Amino acid sequence: MNRLVIIMAAALMICGCATNRPIYYWGNYATLNYGSFTKPDEIPIEKQIDLLELDIEKAKSKDLSVPPGNYAQLGYLYLELGNLEEAVGAFETEMSLFPESQVFIKRLLDSITSVEK
């Protein structure tokens, strides 16, 4: 009986660990994020926004999530263009998808809205 339980537990553990499905669809996010620090003027902001939005659509079509920071980066880019409404929307989406970002994003939103007033 004990042997059967051990074999079944081992089989369940092996089956539970066997997956090749990624959690996130990274797309252009890592490259754009890195490039924004190393070569900030290489890709125009509008093009970066288009690429990130395309990544979001591709992630949805593949039934995957975008990585943490994707919407925050998008919000930052909107902010760079002066599009406050879109920026706030992207930051709020980041907070809803990744609650661990709430403290940082809320402080960021507070500083943005206090400057606008």
PDB file of N, CA and C in Angstrom:
ATOM      1  N   MET A   1       0.832  -1.203   0.000  1.00  0.00           N
ATOM      2  CA  MET A   1       0.000   0.000   0.000  1.00  0.00           C
ATOM      3  C   MET A   1       0.871   1.259   0.000  1.00  0.00           C
ATOM      4  N   ASN A   2       1.884   1.293   0.882  1.00  0.00           N
ATOM      5  CA  ASN A   2       2.772   2.447   0.948  1.00  0.00           C
ATOM      6  C   ASN A   2       3.510   2.667  -0.363  1.00  0.00           C
ATOM      7  N   ARG A   3       3.878   1.548  -0.991  1.00  0.00           N
ATOM      8  CA  ARG A   3       4.591   1.645  -2.263  1.00  0.00           C
ATOM      9  C   ARG A   3       3.702   2.282  -3.330  1.00  0.00           C
ATOM     10  N   LEU A   4       2.445   1.928  -3.363  1.00  0.00           N
ATOM     11  CA  LEU A   4       1.499   2.477  -4.327  1.00  0.00           C
ATOM     12  C   LEU A   4       1.303   3.979  -4.099  1.00  0.00           C
ATOM     13  N   VAL A   5       1.217   4.394  -2.864  1.00  0.00           N
ATOM     14  CA  VAL A   5       1.061   5.803  -2.527  1.00  0.00           C
ATOM     15  C   VAL A   5       2.291   6.595  -2.974  1.00  0.00           C
ATOM     16  N   ILE A   6       3.468   6.043  -2.755  1.00  0.00           N
ATOM     17  CA  ILE A   6       4.708   6.719  -3.154  1.00  0.00           C
ATOM     18  C   ILE A   6       4.770   6.850  -4.672  1.00  0.00           C
ATOM     19  N   ILE A   7       4.426   5.790  -5.376  1.00  0.00           N
ATOM     20  CA  ILE A   7       4.455   5.829  -6.841  1.00  0.00           C
ATOM     21  C   ILE A   7       3.450   6.846  -7.371  1.00  0.00           C
ATOM     22  N   MET A   8       2.260   6.883  -6.814  1.00  0.00           N
ATOM     23  CA  MET A   8       1.232   7.842  -7.268  1.00  0.00           C
ATOM     24  C   MET A   8       1.664   9.275  -6.957  1.00  0.00           C
ATOM     25  N   ALA A   9       2.251   9.510  -5.805  1.00  0.00           N
ATOM     26  CA  ALA A   9       2.714  10.849  -5.451  1.00  0.00           C
ATOM     27  C   ALA A   9       3.829  11.294  -6.389  1.00  0.00           C
ATOM     28  N   ALA A  10       4.736  10.392  -6.703  1.00  0.00           N
ATOM     29  CA  ALA A  10       5.825  10.725  -7.633  1.00  0.00           C
ATOM     30  C   ALA A  10       5.271  11.030  -9.018  1.00  0.00           C
ATOM     31  N   ALA A  11       4.309  10.263  -9.468  1.00  0.00           N
ATOM     32  CA  ALA A  11       3.706  10.496 -10.786  1.00  0.00           C
ATOM     33  C   ALA A  11       3.003  11.846 -10.829  1.00  0.00           C
ATOM     34  N   LEU A  12       2.294  12.191  -9.783  1.00  0.00           N
ATOM     35  CA  LEU A  12       1.622  13.491  -9.722  1.00  0.00           C
ATOM     36  C   LEU A  12       2.616  14.636  -9.718  1.00  0.00           C
ATOM     37  N   MET A  13       3.723  14.473  -9.009  1.00  0.00           N
ATOM     38  CA  MET A  13       4.727  15.526  -8.977  1.00  0.00           C
ATOM     39  C   MET A  13       5.353  15.720 -10.351  1.00  0.00           C
ATOM     40  N   ILE A  14       5.636  14.650 -11.030  1.00  0.00           N
ATOM     41  CA  ILE A  14       6.236  14.750 -12.356  1.00  0.00           C
ATOM     42  C   ILE A  14       5.265  15.391 -13.330  1.00  0.00           C
ATOM     43  N   CYS A  15       4.015  14.986 -13.302  1.00  0.00           N
ATOM     44  CA  CYS A  15       3.010  15.561 -14.204  1.00  0.00           C
ATOM     45  C   CYS A  15       2.771  17.035 -13.898  1.00  0.00           C
ATOM     46  N   GLY A  16       2.791  17.400 -12.631  1.00  0.00           N
ATOM     47  CA  GLY A  16       2.564  18.790 -12.249  1.00  0.00           C
ATOM     48  C   GLY A  16       3.674  19.719 -12.678  1.00  0.00           C
ATOM     49  N   CYS A  17       4.863  19.193 -12.825  1.00  0.00           N
ATOM     50  CA  CYS A  17       6.008  20.023 -13.191  1.00  0.00           C
ATOM     51  C   CYS A  17       6.235  20.083 -14.695  1.00  0.00           C
ATOM     52  N   ALA A  18       5.578  19.249 -15.436  1.00  0.00           N
ATOM     53  CA  ALA A  18       5.832  19.168 -16.877  1.00  0.00           C
ATOM     54  C   ALA A  18       4.979  20.175 -17.643  1.00  0.00           C
ATOM     55  N   THR A  19       5.569  21.324 -17.927  1.00  0.00           N
ATOM     56  CA  THR A  19       4.884  22.310 -18.751  1.00  0.00           C
ATOM     57  C   THR A  19       5.923  23.143 -19.495  1.00  0.00           C
ATOM     58  N   ASN A  20       5.632  23.413 -20.727  1.00  0.00           N
ATOM     59  CA  ASN A  20       6.504  24.266 -21.530  1.00  0.00           C
ATOM     60  C   ASN A  20       5.842  25.602 -21.809  1.00  0.00           C
ATOM     61  N   ARG A  21       4.686  25.814 -21.280  1.00  0.00           N
ATOM     62  CA  ARG A  21       3.923  27.034 -21.537  1.00  0.00           C
ATOM     63  C   ARG A  21       4.510  28.199 -20.746  1.00  0.00           C
ATOM     64  N   PRO A  22       4.886  29.273 -21.428  1.00  0.00           N
ATOM     65  CA  PRO A  22       5.402  30.446 -20.703  1.00  0.00           C
ATOM     66  C   PRO A  22       4.286  31.166 -19.955  1.00  0.00           C
ATOM     67  N   ILE A  23       4.659  31.909 -18.963  1.00  0.00           N
ATOM     68  CA  ILE A  23       3.700  32.696 -18.194  1.00  0.00           C
ATOM     69  C   ILE A  23       3.404  34.011 -18.908  1.00  0.00           C
ATOM     70  N   TYR A  24       4.466  34.648 -19.422  1.00  0.00           N
ATOM     71  CA  TYR A  24       4.336  35.973 -20.018  1.00  0.00           C
ATOM     72  C   TYR A  24       4.707  35.959 -21.493  1.00  0.00           C
ATOM     73  N   TYR A  25       4.116  36.885 -22.218  1.00  0.00           N
ATOM     74  CA  TYR A  25       4.537  37.162 -23.582  1.00  0.00           C
ATOM     75  C   TYR A  25       5.396  38.421 -23.509  1.00  0.00           C
ATOM     76  N   TRP A  26       6.687  38.273 -23.685  1.00  0.00           N
ATOM     77  CA  TRP A  26       7.620  39.389 -23.503  1.00  0.00           C
ATOM     78  C   TRP A  26       7.673  40.300 -24.717  1.00  0.00           C
ATOM     79  N   GLY A  27       7.556  39.754 -25.902  1.00  0.00           N
ATOM     80  CA  GLY A  27       7.581  40.575 -27.103  1.00  0.00           C
ATOM     81  C   GLY A  27       8.772  41.523 -27.141  1.00  0.00           C
ATOM     82  N   ASN A  28       8.496  42.801 -27.346  1.00  0.00           N
ATOM     83  CA  ASN A  28       9.536  43.828 -27.464  1.00  0.00           C
ATOM     84  C   ASN A  28       9.863  44.520 -26.145  1.00  0.00           C
ATOM     85  N   TYR A  29       9.172  44.160 -25.066  1.00  0.00           N
ATOM     86  CA  TYR A  29       9.282  44.912 -23.814  1.00  0.00           C
ATOM     87  C   TYR A  29      10.721  45.015 -23.303  1.00  0.00           C
ATOM     88  N   ALA A  30      11.403  43.896 -23.170  1.00  0.00           N
ATOM     89  CA  ALA A  30      12.751  43.925 -22.593  1.00  0.00           C
ATOM     90  C   ALA A  30      13.711  44.739 -23.467  1.00  0.00           C
ATOM     91  N   THR A  31      13.622  44.563 -24.767  1.00  0.00           N
ATOM     92  CA  THR A  31      14.494  45.295 -25.682  1.00  0.00           C
ATOM     93  C   THR A  31      14.217  46.792 -25.632  1.00  0.00           C
ATOM     94  N   LEU A  32      12.941  47.162 -25.636  1.00  0.00           N
ATOM     95  CA  LEU A  32      12.586  48.582 -25.576  1.00  0.00           C
ATOM     96  C   LEU A  32      12.989  49.205 -24.249  1.00  0.00           C
ATOM     97  N   ASN A  33      12.762  48.480 -23.176  1.00  0.00           N
ATOM     98  CA  ASN A  33      13.099  48.995 -21.858  1.00  0.00           C
ATOM     99  C   ASN A  33      14.609  49.208 -21.738  1.00  0.00           C
ATOM    100  N   TYR A  34      15.380  48.237 -22.161  1.00  0.00           N
ATOM    101  CA  TYR A  34      16.837  48.360 -22.124  1.00  0.00           C
ATOM    102  C   TYR A  34      17.300  49.495 -23.038  1.00  0.00           C
ATOM    103  N   GLY A  35      16.742  49.550 -24.229  1.00  0.00           N
ATOM    104  CA  GLY A  35      17.116  50.584 -25.186  1.00  0.00           C
ATOM    105  C   GLY A  35      16.782  51.987 -24.709  1.00  0.00           C
ATOM    106  N   SER A  36      15.735  52.121 -23.908  1.00  0.00           N
ATOM    107  CA  SER A  36      15.366  53.453 -23.416  1.00  0.00           C
ATOM    108  C   SER A  36      16.430  54.018 -22.474  1.00  0.00           C
ATOM    109  N   PHE A  37      17.229  53.141 -21.886  1.00  0.00           N
ATOM    110  CA  PHE A  37      18.320  53.592 -21.020  1.00  0.00           C
ATOM    111  C   PHE A  37      19.645  53.720 -21.766  1.00  0.00           C
ATOM    112  N   THR A  38      19.909  52.803 -22.681  1.00  0.00           N
ATOM    113  CA  THR A  38      21.203  52.802 -23.354  1.00  0.00           C
ATOM    114  C   THR A  38      21.249  53.692 -24.588  1.00  0.00           C
ATOM    115  N   LYS A  39      20.149  53.740 -25.345  1.00  0.00           N
ATOM    116  CA  LYS A  39      20.080  54.553 -26.569  1.00  0.00           C
ATOM    117  C   LYS A  39      18.706  55.209 -26.631  1.00  0.00           C
ATOM    118  N   PRO A  40      18.467  56.191 -25.772  1.00  0.00           N
ATOM    119  CA  PRO A  40      17.117  56.742 -25.615  1.00  0.00           C
ATOM    120  C   PRO A  40      16.523  57.386 -26.874  1.00  0.00           C
ATOM    121  N   ASP A  41      17.336  57.844 -27.778  1.00  0.00           N
ATOM    122  CA  ASP A  41      16.802  58.529 -28.958  1.00  0.00           C
ATOM    123  C   ASP A  41      16.747  57.637 -30.199  1.00  0.00           C
ATOM    124  N   GLU A  42      17.087  56.377 -30.056  1.00  0.00           N
ATOM    125  CA  GLU A  42      17.162  55.499 -31.217  1.00  0.00           C
ATOM    126  C   GLU A  42      15.779  55.161 -31.795  1.00  0.00           C
ATOM    127  N   ILE A  43      14.821  54.855 -30.932  1.00  0.00           N
ATOM    128  CA  ILE A  43      13.465  54.521 -31.393  1.00  0.00           C
ATOM    129  C   ILE A  43      12.516  55.612 -30.909  1.00  0.00           C
ATOM    130  N   PRO A  44      11.800  56.261 -31.830  1.00  0.00           N
ATOM    131  CA  PRO A  44      10.866  57.320 -31.416  1.00  0.00           C
ATOM    132  C   PRO A  44       9.820  56.790 -30.430  1.00  0.00           C
ATOM    133  N   ILE A  45       9.378  57.653 -29.548  1.00  0.00           N
ATOM    134  CA  ILE A  45       8.410  57.275 -28.516  1.00  0.00           C
ATOM    135  C   ILE A  45       7.143  56.693 -29.125  1.00  0.00           C
ATOM    136  N   GLU A  46       6.655  57.288 -30.189  1.00  0.00           N
ATOM    137  CA  GLU A  46       5.432  56.796 -30.838  1.00  0.00           C
ATOM    138  C   GLU A  46       5.601  55.357 -31.310  1.00  0.00           C
ATOM    139  N   LYS A  47       6.772  55.033 -31.850  1.00  0.00           N
ATOM    140  CA  LYS A  47       7.058  53.678 -32.321  1.00  0.00           C
ATOM    141  C   LYS A  47       7.117  52.710 -31.141  1.00  0.00           C
ATOM    142  N   GLN A  48       7.713  53.146 -30.030  1.00  0.00           N
ATOM    143  CA  GLN A  48       7.770  52.302 -28.838  1.00  0.00           C
ATOM    144  C   GLN A  48       6.365  51.988 -28.329  1.00  0.00           C
ATOM    145  N   ILE A  49       5.509  53.004 -28.321  1.00  0.00           N
ATOM    146  CA  ILE A  49       4.125  52.801 -27.892  1.00  0.00           C
ATOM    147  C   ILE A  49       3.434  51.803 -28.798  1.00  0.00           C
ATOM    148  N   ASP A  50       3.604  51.966 -30.099  1.00  0.00           N
ATOM    149  CA  ASP A  50       2.986  51.044 -31.051  1.00  0.00           C
ATOM    150  C   ASP A  50       3.451  49.609 -30.814  1.00  0.00           C
ATOM    151  N   LEU A  51       4.745  49.437 -30.576  1.00  0.00           N
ATOM    152  CA  LEU A  51       5.289  48.095 -30.347  1.00  0.00           C
ATOM    153  C   LEU A  51       4.758  47.478 -29.055  1.00  0.00           C
ATOM    154  N   LEU A  52       4.677  48.273 -27.997  1.00  0.00           N
ATOM    155  CA  LEU A  52       4.148  47.748 -26.733  1.00  0.00           C
ATOM    156  C   LEU A  52       2.668  47.413 -26.846  1.00  0.00           C
ATOM    157  N   GLU A  53       1.908  48.244 -27.535  1.00  0.00           N
ATOM    158  CA  GLU A  53       0.482  47.952 -27.723  1.00  0.00           C
ATOM    159  C   GLU A  53       0.288  46.713 -28.594  1.00  0.00           C
ATOM    160  N   LEU A  54       1.143  46.533 -29.581  1.00  0.00           N
ATOM    161  CA  LEU A  54       1.097  45.332 -30.402  1.00  0.00           C
ATOM    162  C   LEU A  54       1.421  44.100 -29.559  1.00  0.00           C
ATOM    163  N   ASP A  55       2.391  44.231 -28.666  1.00  0.00           N
ATOM    164  CA  ASP A  55       2.718  43.124 -27.761  1.00  0.00           C
ATOM    165  C   ASP A  55       1.533  42.753 -26.877  1.00  0.00           C
ATOM    166  N   ILE A  56       0.805  43.751 -26.414  1.00  0.00           N
ATOM    167  CA  ILE A  56      -0.372  43.496 -25.573  1.00  0.00           C
ATOM    168  C   ILE A  56      -1.409  42.700 -26.357  1.00  0.00           C
ATOM    169  N   GLU A  57      -1.626  43.086 -27.604  1.00  0.00           N
ATOM    170  CA  GLU A  57      -2.588  42.372 -28.450  1.00  0.00           C
ATOM    171  C   GLU A  57      -2.116  40.938 -28.736  1.00  0.00           C
ATOM    172  N   LYS A  58      -0.831  40.774 -29.002  1.00  0.00           N
ATOM    173  CA  LYS A  58      -0.295  39.438 -29.252  1.00  0.00           C
ATOM    174  C   LYS A  58      -0.416  38.566 -28.009  1.00  0.00           C
ATOM    175  N   ALA A  59      -0.156  39.143 -26.844  1.00  0.00           N
ATOM    176  CA  ALA A  59      -0.285  38.390 -25.591  1.00  0.00           C
ATOM    177  C   ALA A  59      -1.720  37.911 -25.412  1.00  0.00           C
ATOM    178  N   LYS A  60      -2.681  38.792 -25.680  1.00  0.00           N
ATOM    179  CA  LYS A  60      -4.090  38.404 -25.558  1.00  0.00           C
ATOM    180  C   LYS A  60      -4.431  37.292 -26.533  1.00  0.00           C
ATOM    181  N   SER A  61      -3.939  37.385 -27.769  1.00  0.00           N
ATOM    182  CA  SER A  61      -4.257  36.372 -28.770  1.00  0.00           C
ATOM    183  C   SER A  61      -3.637  35.018 -28.423  1.00  0.00           C
ATOM    184  N   LYS A  62      -2.549  35.031 -27.677  1.00  0.00           N
ATOM    185  CA  LYS A  62      -1.889  33.787 -27.265  1.00  0.00           C
ATOM    186  C   LYS A  62      -2.355  33.333 -25.885  1.00  0.00           C
ATOM    187  N   ASP A  63      -3.298  34.069 -25.298  1.00  0.00           N
ATOM    188  CA  ASP A  63      -3.815  33.782 -23.961  1.00  0.00           C
ATOM    189  C   ASP A  63      -2.691  33.778 -22.914  1.00  0.00           C
ATOM    190  N   LEU A  64      -1.800  34.771 -23.040  1.00  0.00           N
ATOM    191  CA  LEU A  64      -0.702  34.956 -22.085  1.00  0.00           C
ATOM    192  C   LEU A  64      -0.820  36.341 -21.464  1.00  0.00           C
ATOM    193  N   SER A  65      -0.098  36.544 -20.397  1.00  0.00           N
ATOM    194  CA  SER A  65      -0.050  37.850 -19.742  1.00  0.00           C
ATOM    195  C   SER A  65       1.152  38.629 -20.249  1.00  0.00           C
ATOM    196  N   VAL A  66       1.050  39.944 -20.169  1.00  0.00           N
ATOM    197  CA  VAL A  66       2.231  40.767 -20.430  1.00  0.00           C
ATOM    198  C   VAL A  66       3.073  40.754 -19.162  1.00  0.00           C
ATOM    199  N   PRO A  67       4.368  40.989 -19.277  1.00  0.00           N
ATOM    200  CA  PRO A  67       5.225  40.928 -18.093  1.00  0.00           C
ATOM    201  C   PRO A  67       5.015  42.122 -17.168  1.00  0.00           C
ATOM    202  N   PRO A  68       5.404  41.976 -15.899  1.00  0.00           N
ATOM    203  CA  PRO A  68       5.339  43.118 -14.987  1.00  0.00           C
ATOM    204  C   PRO A  68       6.166  44.271 -15.540  1.00  0.00           C
ATOM    205  N   GLY A  69       5.600  45.461 -15.481  1.00  0.00           N
ATOM    206  CA  GLY A  69       6.301  46.649 -15.949  1.00  0.00           C
ATOM    207  C   GLY A  69       5.906  47.071 -17.346  1.00  0.00           C
ATOM    208  N   ASN A  70       5.248  46.191 -18.102  1.00  0.00           N
ATOM    209  CA  ASN A  70       4.869  46.520 -19.478  1.00  0.00           C
ATOM    210  C   ASN A  70       3.940  47.733 -19.526  1.00  0.00           C
ATOM    211  N   TYR A  71       2.883  47.693 -18.731  1.00  0.00           N
ATOM    212  CA  TYR A  71       1.949  48.830 -18.718  1.00  0.00           C
ATOM    213  C   TYR A  71       2.570  50.062 -18.070  1.00  0.00           C
ATOM    214  N   ALA A  72       3.453  49.864 -17.109  1.00  0.00           N
ATOM    215  CA  ALA A  72       4.136  51.009 -16.497  1.00  0.00           C
ATOM    216  C   ALA A  72       5.024  51.706 -17.528  1.00  0.00           C
ATOM    217  N   GLN A  73       5.732  50.928 -18.336  1.00  0.00           N
ATOM    218  CA  GLN A  73       6.560  51.502 -19.393  1.00  0.00           C
ATOM    219  C   GLN A  73       5.691  52.235 -20.408  1.00  0.00           C
ATOM    220  N   LEU A  74       4.560  51.639 -20.748  1.00  0.00           N
ATOM    221  CA  LEU A  74       3.630  52.282 -21.671  1.00  0.00           C
ATOM    222  C   LEU A  74       3.120  53.597 -21.090  1.00  0.00           C
ATOM    223  N   GLY A  75       2.794  53.591 -19.807  1.00  0.00           N
ATOM    224  CA  GLY A  75       2.346  54.814 -19.143  1.00  0.00           C
ATOM    225  C   GLY A  75       3.415  55.892 -19.159  1.00  0.00           C
ATOM    226  N   TYR A  76       4.647  55.493 -18.921  1.00  0.00           N
ATOM    227  CA  TYR A  76       5.766  56.438 -18.950  1.00  0.00           C
ATOM    228  C   TYR A  76       5.905  57.058 -20.339  1.00  0.00           C
ATOM    229  N   LEU A  77       5.777  56.242 -21.365  1.00  0.00           N
ATOM    230  CA  LEU A  77       5.901  56.753 -22.734  1.00  0.00           C
ATOM    231  C   LEU A  77       4.766  57.724 -23.056  1.00  0.00           C
ATOM    232  N   TYR A  78       3.549  57.384 -22.631  1.00  0.00           N
ATOM    233  CA  TYR A  78       2.423  58.319 -22.825  1.00  0.00           C
ATOM    234  C   TYR A  78       2.685  59.630 -22.093  1.00  0.00           C
ATOM    235  N   LEU A  79       3.244  59.519 -20.913  1.00  0.00           N
ATOM    236  CA  LEU A  79       3.554  60.706 -20.123  1.00  0.00           C
ATOM    237  C   LEU A  79       4.592  61.569 -20.840  1.00  0.00           C
ATOM    238  N   GLU A  80       5.572  60.924 -21.457  1.00  0.00           N
ATOM    239  CA  GLU A  80       6.593  61.647 -22.212  1.00  0.00           C
ATOM    240  C   GLU A  80       5.978  62.446 -23.360  1.00  0.00           C
ATOM    241  N   LEU A  81       4.889  61.932 -23.919  1.00  0.00           N
ATOM    242  CA  LEU A  81       4.202  62.642 -25.012  1.00  0.00           C
ATOM    243  C   LEU A  81       3.205  63.675 -24.494  1.00  0.00           C
ATOM    244  N   GLY A  82       3.005  63.709 -23.181  1.00  0.00           N
ATOM    245  CA  GLY A  82       2.067  64.654 -22.596  1.00  0.00           C
ATOM    246  C   GLY A  82       0.629  64.159 -22.590  1.00  0.00           C
ATOM    247  N   ASN A  83       0.435  62.878 -22.817  1.00  0.00           N
ATOM    248  CA  ASN A  83      -0.902  62.302 -22.833  1.00  0.00           C
ATOM    249  C   ASN A  83      -1.220  61.728 -21.447  1.00  0.00           C
ATOM    250  N   LEU A  84      -1.651  62.623 -20.555  1.00  0.00           N
ATOM    251  CA  LEU A  84      -1.870  62.259 -19.153  1.00  0.00           C
ATOM    252  C   LEU A  84      -2.962  61.206 -18.987  1.00  0.00           C
ATOM    253  N   GLU A  85      -4.050  61.340 -19.725  1.00  0.00           N
ATOM    254  CA  GLU A  85      -5.170  60.406 -19.581  1.00  0.00           C
ATOM    255  C   GLU A  85      -4.748  58.971 -19.920  1.00  0.00           C
ATOM    256  N   GLU A  86      -4.052  58.801 -21.021  1.00  0.00           N
ATOM    257  CA  GLU A  86      -3.582  57.471 -21.420  1.00  0.00           C
ATOM    258  C   GLU A  86      -2.535  56.955 -20.432  1.00  0.00           C
ATOM    259  N   ALA A  87      -1.685  57.836 -19.948  1.00  0.00           N
ATOM    260  CA  ALA A  87      -0.647  57.445 -18.987  1.00  0.00           C
ATOM    261  C   ALA A  87      -1.281  56.916 -17.703  1.00  0.00           C
ATOM    262  N   VAL A  88      -2.240  57.650 -17.175  1.00  0.00           N
ATOM    263  CA  VAL A  88      -2.914  57.229 -15.941  1.00  0.00           C
ATOM    264  C   VAL A  88      -3.608  55.887 -16.154  1.00  0.00           C
ATOM    265  N   GLY A  89      -4.251  55.722 -17.300  1.00  0.00           N
ATOM    266  CA  GLY A  89      -4.911  54.451 -17.605  1.00  0.00           C
ATOM    267  C   GLY A  89      -3.933  53.284 -17.619  1.00  0.00           C
ATOM    268  N   ALA A  90      -2.774  53.484 -18.230  1.00  0.00           N
ATOM    269  CA  ALA A  90      -1.764  52.429 -18.283  1.00  0.00           C
ATOM    270  C   ALA A  90      -1.219  52.125 -16.884  1.00  0.00           C
ATOM    271  N   PHE A  91      -0.973  53.173 -16.091  1.00  0.00           N
ATOM    272  CA  PHE A  91      -0.475  52.961 -14.732  1.00  0.00           C
ATOM    273  C   PHE A  91      -1.505  52.219 -13.878  1.00  0.00           C
ATOM    274  N   GLU A  92      -2.769  52.559 -14.036  1.00  0.00           N
ATOM    275  CA  GLU A  92      -3.814  51.870 -13.272  1.00  0.00           C
ATOM    276  C   GLU A  92      -3.935  50.405 -13.687  1.00  0.00           C
ATOM    277  N   THR A  93      -3.758  50.136 -14.976  1.00  0.00           N
ATOM    278  CA  THR A  93      -3.770  48.752 -15.440  1.00  0.00           C
ATOM    279  C   THR A  93      -2.613  47.982 -14.840  1.00  0.00           C
ATOM    280  N   GLU A  94      -1.438  48.603 -14.782  1.00  0.00           N
ATOM    281  CA  GLU A  94      -0.270  47.957 -14.160  1.00  0.00           C
ATOM    282  C   GLU A  94      -0.581  47.595 -12.708  1.00  0.00           C
ATOM    283  N   MET A  95      -1.203  48.520 -11.972  1.00  0.00           N
ATOM    284  CA  MET A  95      -1.540  48.251 -10.568  1.00  0.00           C
ATOM    285  C   MET A  95      -2.536  47.114 -10.438  1.00  0.00           C
ATOM    286  N   SER A  96      -3.517  47.064 -11.338  1.00  0.00           N
ATOM    287  CA  SER A  96      -4.532  46.015 -11.223  1.00  0.00           C
ATOM    288  C   SER A  96      -3.964  44.641 -11.575  1.00  0.00           C
ATOM    289  N   LEU A  97      -3.059  44.587 -12.544  1.00  0.00           N
ATOM    290  CA  LEU A  97      -2.466  43.303 -12.929  1.00  0.00           C
ATOM    291  C   LEU A  97      -1.382  42.843 -11.964  1.00  0.00           C
ATOM    292  N   PHE A  98      -0.654  43.794 -11.397  1.00  0.00           N
ATOM    293  CA  PHE A  98       0.465  43.481 -10.513  1.00  0.00           C
ATOM    294  C   PHE A  98       0.339  44.302  -9.234  1.00  0.00           C
ATOM    295  N   PRO A  99      -0.468  43.826  -8.273  1.00  0.00           N
ATOM    296  CA  PRO A  99      -0.726  44.583  -7.045  1.00  0.00           C
ATOM    297  C   PRO A  99       0.528  44.975  -6.279  1.00  0.00           C
ATOM    298  N   GLU A 100       1.605  44.240  -6.458  1.00  0.00           N
ATOM    299  CA  GLU A 100       2.842  44.576  -5.748  1.00  0.00           C
ATOM    300  C   GLU A 100       3.420  45.905  -6.215  1.00  0.00           C
ATOM    301  N   SER A 101       2.943  46.414  -7.347  1.00  0.00           N
ATOM    302  CA  SER A 101       3.432  47.699  -7.861  1.00  0.00           C
ATOM    303  C   SER A 101       2.633  48.883  -7.327  1.00  0.00           C
ATOM    304  N   GLN A 102       1.591  48.646  -6.556  1.00  0.00           N
ATOM    305  CA  GLN A 102       0.681  49.710  -6.141  1.00  0.00           C
ATOM    306  C   GLN A 102       1.363  50.844  -5.393  1.00  0.00           C
ATOM    307  N   VAL A 103       2.252  50.543  -4.473  1.00  0.00           N
ATOM    308  CA  VAL A 103       2.896  51.604  -3.686  1.00  0.00           C
ATOM    309  C   VAL A 103       3.662  52.539  -4.613  1.00  0.00           C
ATOM    310  N   PHE A 104       4.465  51.971  -5.487  1.00  0.00           N
ATOM    311  CA  PHE A 104       5.255  52.781  -6.409  1.00  0.00           C
ATOM    312  C   PHE A 104       4.370  53.568  -7.372  1.00  0.00           C
ATOM    313  N   ILE A 105       3.408  52.893  -7.979  1.00  0.00           N
ATOM    314  CA  ILE A 105       2.558  53.546  -8.992  1.00  0.00           C
ATOM    315  C   ILE A 105       1.695  54.627  -8.346  1.00  0.00           C
ATOM    316  N   LYS A 106       1.165  54.370  -7.150  1.00  0.00           N
ATOM    317  CA  LYS A 106       0.351  55.392  -6.478  1.00  0.00           C
ATOM    318  C   LYS A 106       1.174  56.643  -6.185  1.00  0.00           C
ATOM    319  N   ARG A 107       2.417  56.460  -5.760  1.00  0.00           N
ATOM    320  CA  ARG A 107       3.288  57.626  -5.522  1.00  0.00           C
ATOM    321  C   ARG A 107       3.558  58.362  -6.829  1.00  0.00           C
ATOM    322  N   LEU A 108       3.771  57.614  -7.863  1.00  0.00           N
ATOM    323  CA  LEU A 108       3.999  58.212  -9.175  1.00  0.00           C
ATOM    324  C   LEU A 108       2.773  58.997  -9.625  1.00  0.00           C
ATOM    325  N   LEU A 109       1.603  58.411  -9.484  1.00  0.00           N
ATOM    326  CA  LEU A 109       0.367  59.102  -9.867  1.00  0.00           C
ATOM    327  C   LEU A 109       0.132  60.348  -9.019  1.00  0.00           C
ATOM    328  N   ASP A 110       0.439  60.249  -7.725  1.00  0.00           N
ATOM    329  CA  ASP A 110       0.299  61.419  -6.855  1.00  0.00           C
ATOM    330  C   ASP A 110       1.215  62.552  -7.306  1.00  0.00           C
ATOM    331  N   SER A 111       2.436  62.217  -7.681  1.00  0.00           N
ATOM    332  CA  SER A 111       3.363  63.265  -8.119  1.00  0.00           C
ATOM    333  C   SER A 111       2.944  63.844  -9.463  1.00  0.00           C
ATOM    334  N   ILE A 112       2.393  63.025 -10.332  1.00  0.00           N
ATOM    335  CA  ILE A 112       1.931  63.517 -11.634  1.00  0.00           C
ATOM    336  C   ILE A 112       0.751  64.452 -11.462  1.00  0.00           C
ATOM    337  N   THR A 113      -0.220  64.030 -10.675  1.00  0.00           N
ATOM    338  CA  THR A 113      -1.430  64.835 -10.513  1.00  0.00           C
ATOM    339  C   THR A 113      -1.163  66.096  -9.715  1.00  0.00           C
ATOM    340  N   SER A 114      -0.188  66.082  -8.806  1.00  0.00           N
ATOM    341  CA  SER A 114       0.112  67.283  -8.050  1.00  0.00           C
ATOM    342  C   SER A 114       0.812  68.326  -8.950  1.00  0.00           C
ATOM    343  N   VAL A 115       1.566  67.882  -9.923  1.00  0.00           N
ATOM    344  CA  VAL A 115       2.219  68.789 -10.865  1.00  0.00           C
ATOM    345  C   VAL A 115       1.183  69.422 -11.792  1.00  0.00           C
ATOM    346  N   GLU A 116       0.157  68.644 -12.163  1.00  0.00           N
ATOM    347  CA  GLU A 116      -0.885  69.118 -13.076  1.00  0.00           C
ATOM    348  C   GLU A 116      -1.774  70.170 -12.432  1.00  0.00           C
ATOM    349  N   LYS A 117      -1.877  70.176 -11.105  1.00  0.00           N
ATOM    350  CA  LYS A 117      -2.791  71.095 -10.421  1.00  0.00           C
ATOM    351  C   LYS A 117      -2.247  72.467 -10.301  1.00  0.00           C
TER     352      LYS A 117
END
